[in-house]
C-alpha atoms as a PDB file:
ATOM      1  CA  MET A   1     -27.717  30.344   1.623  1.00  0.00           C
ATOM      2  CA  ARG A   2     -30.165  32.850   0.360  1.00  0.00           C
ATOM      3  CA  SER A   3     -32.243  32.489  -2.825  1.00  0.00           C
ATOM      4  CA  ARG A   4     -31.190  34.474  -5.857  1.00  0.00           C
ATOM      5  CA  PRO A   5     -34.234  36.779  -6.035  1.00  0.00           C
ATOM      6  CA  PHE A   6     -33.644  37.801  -2.507  1.00  0.00           C
ATOM      7  CA  ILE A   7     -29.886  38.722  -3.222  1.00  0.00           C
ATOM      8  CA  VAL A   8     -30.813  40.499  -6.517  1.00  0.00           C
ATOM      9  CA  PHE A   9     -33.600  42.476  -4.657  1.00  0.00           C
ATOM     10  CA  TRP A  10     -31.406  43.737  -1.911  1.00  0.00           C
ATOM     11  CA  GLY A  11     -28.456  44.443  -4.356  1.00  0.00           C
ATOM     12  CA  ALA A  12     -30.910  46.602  -6.425  1.00  0.00           C
ATOM     13  CA  VAL A  13     -32.043  48.363  -3.364  1.00  0.00           C
ATOM     14  CA  ALA A  14     -28.373  49.082  -2.298  1.00  0.00           C
ATOM     15  CA  GLY A  15     -27.687  50.273  -5.904  1.00  0.00           C
ATOM     16  CA  ALA A  16     -30.751  52.638  -5.735  1.00  0.00           C
ATOM     17  CA  VAL A  17     -29.492  54.137  -2.489  1.00  0.00           C
ATOM     18  CA  LEU A  18     -26.052  54.772  -4.064  1.00  0.00           C
ATOM     19  CA  PHE A  19     -27.698  56.337  -7.195  1.00  0.00           C
ATOM     20  CA  LEU A  20     -29.799  58.394  -4.875  1.00  0.00           C
ATOM     21  CA  GLY A  21     -26.895  59.656  -2.997  1.00  0.00           C
ATOM     22  CA  ALA A  22     -25.011  60.415  -6.329  1.00  0.00           C
ATOM     23  CA  SER A  23     -28.203  62.206  -7.651  1.00  0.00           C
ATOM     24  CA  TRP A  24     -28.547  64.246  -4.386  1.00  0.00           C
ATOM     25  CA  ALA A  25     -24.864  65.334  -4.331  1.00  0.00           C
ATOM     26  CA  THR A  26     -24.631  66.107  -8.063  1.00  0.00           C
ATOM     27  CA  ILE A  27     -27.763  68.338  -7.995  1.00  0.00           C
ATOM     28  CA  GLY A  28     -25.958  70.768  -5.898  1.00  0.00           C
ATOM     29  CA  ARG A  29     -23.034  70.825  -8.400  1.00  0.00           C
ATOM     30  CA  VAL A  30     -25.402  71.302 -11.372  1.00  0.00           C
ATOM     31  CA  LEU A  31     -27.160  74.205  -9.823  1.00  0.00           C
ATOM     32  CA  ASP A  32     -23.857  76.045  -9.343  1.00  0.00           C
ATOM     33  CA  PRO A  33     -23.181  78.609 -12.201  1.00  0.00           C
ATOM     34  CA  THR A  34     -19.776  77.280 -12.687  1.00  0.00           C
ATOM     35  CA  ARG A  35     -20.789  73.870 -13.616  1.00  0.00           C
ATOM     36  CA  GLY A  36     -19.180  71.784 -16.206  1.00  0.00           C
ATOM     37  CA  PRO A  37     -20.833  69.370 -18.746  1.00  0.00           C
ATOM     38  CA  LEU A  38     -19.596  66.393 -16.927  1.00  0.00           C
ATOM     39  CA  ASP A  39     -21.615  67.291 -13.794  1.00  0.00           C
ATOM     40  CA  THR A  40     -24.678  67.309 -15.871  1.00  0.00           C
ATOM     41  CA  ALA A  41     -23.704  63.842 -17.454  1.00  0.00           C
ATOM     42  CA  VAL A  42     -23.098  62.560 -14.008  1.00  0.00           C
ATOM     43  CA  LEU A  43     -26.535  63.600 -12.931  1.00  0.00           C
ATOM     44  CA  VAL A  44     -28.216  62.125 -15.915  1.00  0.00           C
ATOM     45  CA  ILE A  45     -26.581  58.748 -15.386  1.00  0.00           C
ATOM     46  CA  ALA A  46     -27.467  58.747 -11.756  1.00  0.00           C
ATOM     47  CA  ILE A  47     -30.987  59.419 -12.409  1.00  0.00           C
ATOM     48  CA  ILE A  48     -31.219  56.782 -14.995  1.00  0.00           C
ATOM     49  CA  GLY A  49     -29.413  54.295 -12.741  1.00  0.00           C
ATOM     50  CA  LEU A  50     -31.834  55.226  -9.830  1.00  0.00           C
ATOM     51  CA  GLY A  51     -34.771  54.446 -12.077  1.00  0.00           C
ATOM     52  CA  ALA A  52     -33.419  51.135 -13.283  1.00  0.00           C
ATOM     53  CA  THR A  53     -32.550  49.878 -10.012  1.00  0.00           C
ATOM     54  CA  GLY A  54     -35.888  50.979  -8.600  1.00  0.00           C
ATOM     55  CA  PHE A  55     -37.586  49.164 -11.413  1.00  0.00           C
ATOM     56  CA  VAL A  56     -35.624  45.854 -10.860  1.00  0.00           C
ATOM     57  CA  ALA A  57     -36.420  46.019  -7.084  1.00  0.00           C
ATOM     58  CA  GLY A  58     -40.249  46.698  -7.790  1.00  0.00           C
ATOM     59  CA  ARG A  59     -40.305  44.046 -10.373  1.00  0.00           C
ATOM     60  CA  ILE A  60     -38.861  41.396  -8.069  1.00  0.00           C
ATOM     61  CA  ALA A  61     -41.145  42.405  -5.239  1.00  0.00           C
ATOM     62  CA  LEU A  62     -44.211  42.080  -7.633  1.00  0.00           C
ATOM     63  CA  VAL A  63     -43.148  38.637  -8.924  1.00  0.00           C
ATOM     64  CA  THR A  64     -42.567  37.365  -5.464  1.00  0.00           C
ATOM     65  CA  ALA A  65     -45.958  38.572  -4.246  1.00  0.00           C
ATOM     66  CA  ARG A  66     -47.725  36.994  -7.169  1.00  0.00           C
ATOM     67  CA  ALA A  67     -45.962  33.737  -6.579  1.00  0.00           C
ATOM     68  CA  GLN A  68     -46.985  33.850  -2.775  1.00  0.00           C
ATOM     69  CA  ARG A  69     -50.604  34.439  -3.790  1.00  0.00           C
ATOM     70  CA  ARG A  70     -50.507  31.539  -6.133  1.00  0.00           C
ATOM     71  CA  ALA A  71     -49.013  29.292  -3.482  1.00  0.00           C
ATOM     72  CA  ARG A  72     -51.518  30.458  -0.863  1.00  0.00           C
ATOM     73  CA  HIS A  73     -54.322  29.514  -3.390  1.00  0.00           C
ATOM     74  CA  LEU A  74     -53.034  25.959  -3.934  1.00  0.00           C
ATOM     75  CA  ARG A  75     -51.998  25.337  -0.297  1.00  0.00           C
ATOM     76  CA  PRO A  76     -54.312  23.167   1.823  1.00  0.00           C
ATOM     77  CA  ALA A  77     -56.763  24.972   4.108  1.00  0.00           C
ATOM     78  CA  GLY A  78     -55.606  23.220   7.378  1.00  0.00           C
ATOM     79  CA  PRO A  79     -53.958  20.217   8.767  1.00  0.00           C
ATOM     80  CA  GLY A  80     -54.986  17.050   7.138  1.00  0.00           C
ATOM     81  CA  ALA A  81     -56.779  18.852   4.263  1.00  0.00           C
ATOM     82  CA  LYS A  82     -56.259  17.634   0.720  1.00  0.00           C
ATOM     83  CA  ARG A  83     -54.567  19.710  -1.891  1.00  0.00           C
ATOM     84  CA  PRO A  84     -57.138  20.704  -4.513  1.00  0.00           C
ATOM     85  CA  HIS A  85     -56.474  19.294  -8.107  1.00  0.00           C
ATOM     86  CA  VAL A  86     -55.724  22.329 -10.508  1.00  0.00           C
ATOM     87  CA  ARG A  87     -55.929  21.563 -14.162  1.00  0.00           C
ATOM     88  CA  ARG A  88     -53.985  23.913 -16.234  1.00  0.00           C
ATOM     89  CA  PRO A  89     -54.090  24.239 -20.051  1.00  0.00           C
ATOM     90  CA  VAL A  90     -50.893  23.054 -21.915  1.00  0.00           C
ATOM     91  CA  GLY A  91     -48.515  25.903 -22.588  1.00  0.00           C
ATOM     92  CA  ARG A  92     -49.381  28.012 -19.662  1.00  0.00           C
ATOM     93  CA  ALA A  93     -47.692  28.654 -16.427  1.00  0.00           C
END
């Protein structure tokens, strides 16, 4: 079973690809002189969706990288090494 961030990340990437395709296809319709107002609306929605899904995927990647850096810092140096004691103030993660 995959972790939830893994599934959300790849779902956001798939959504971004779909919104990119919708944006690409709609740009051709919007540049046509006989375009309608719905073509422009679809383009705006597709671009907003592309930005949102890209933000979600980037945020998940950033948080995952930060967690891995913290885990690497707390991990022992080699086999048989003791884990360093880290004292954190109350109320902080």
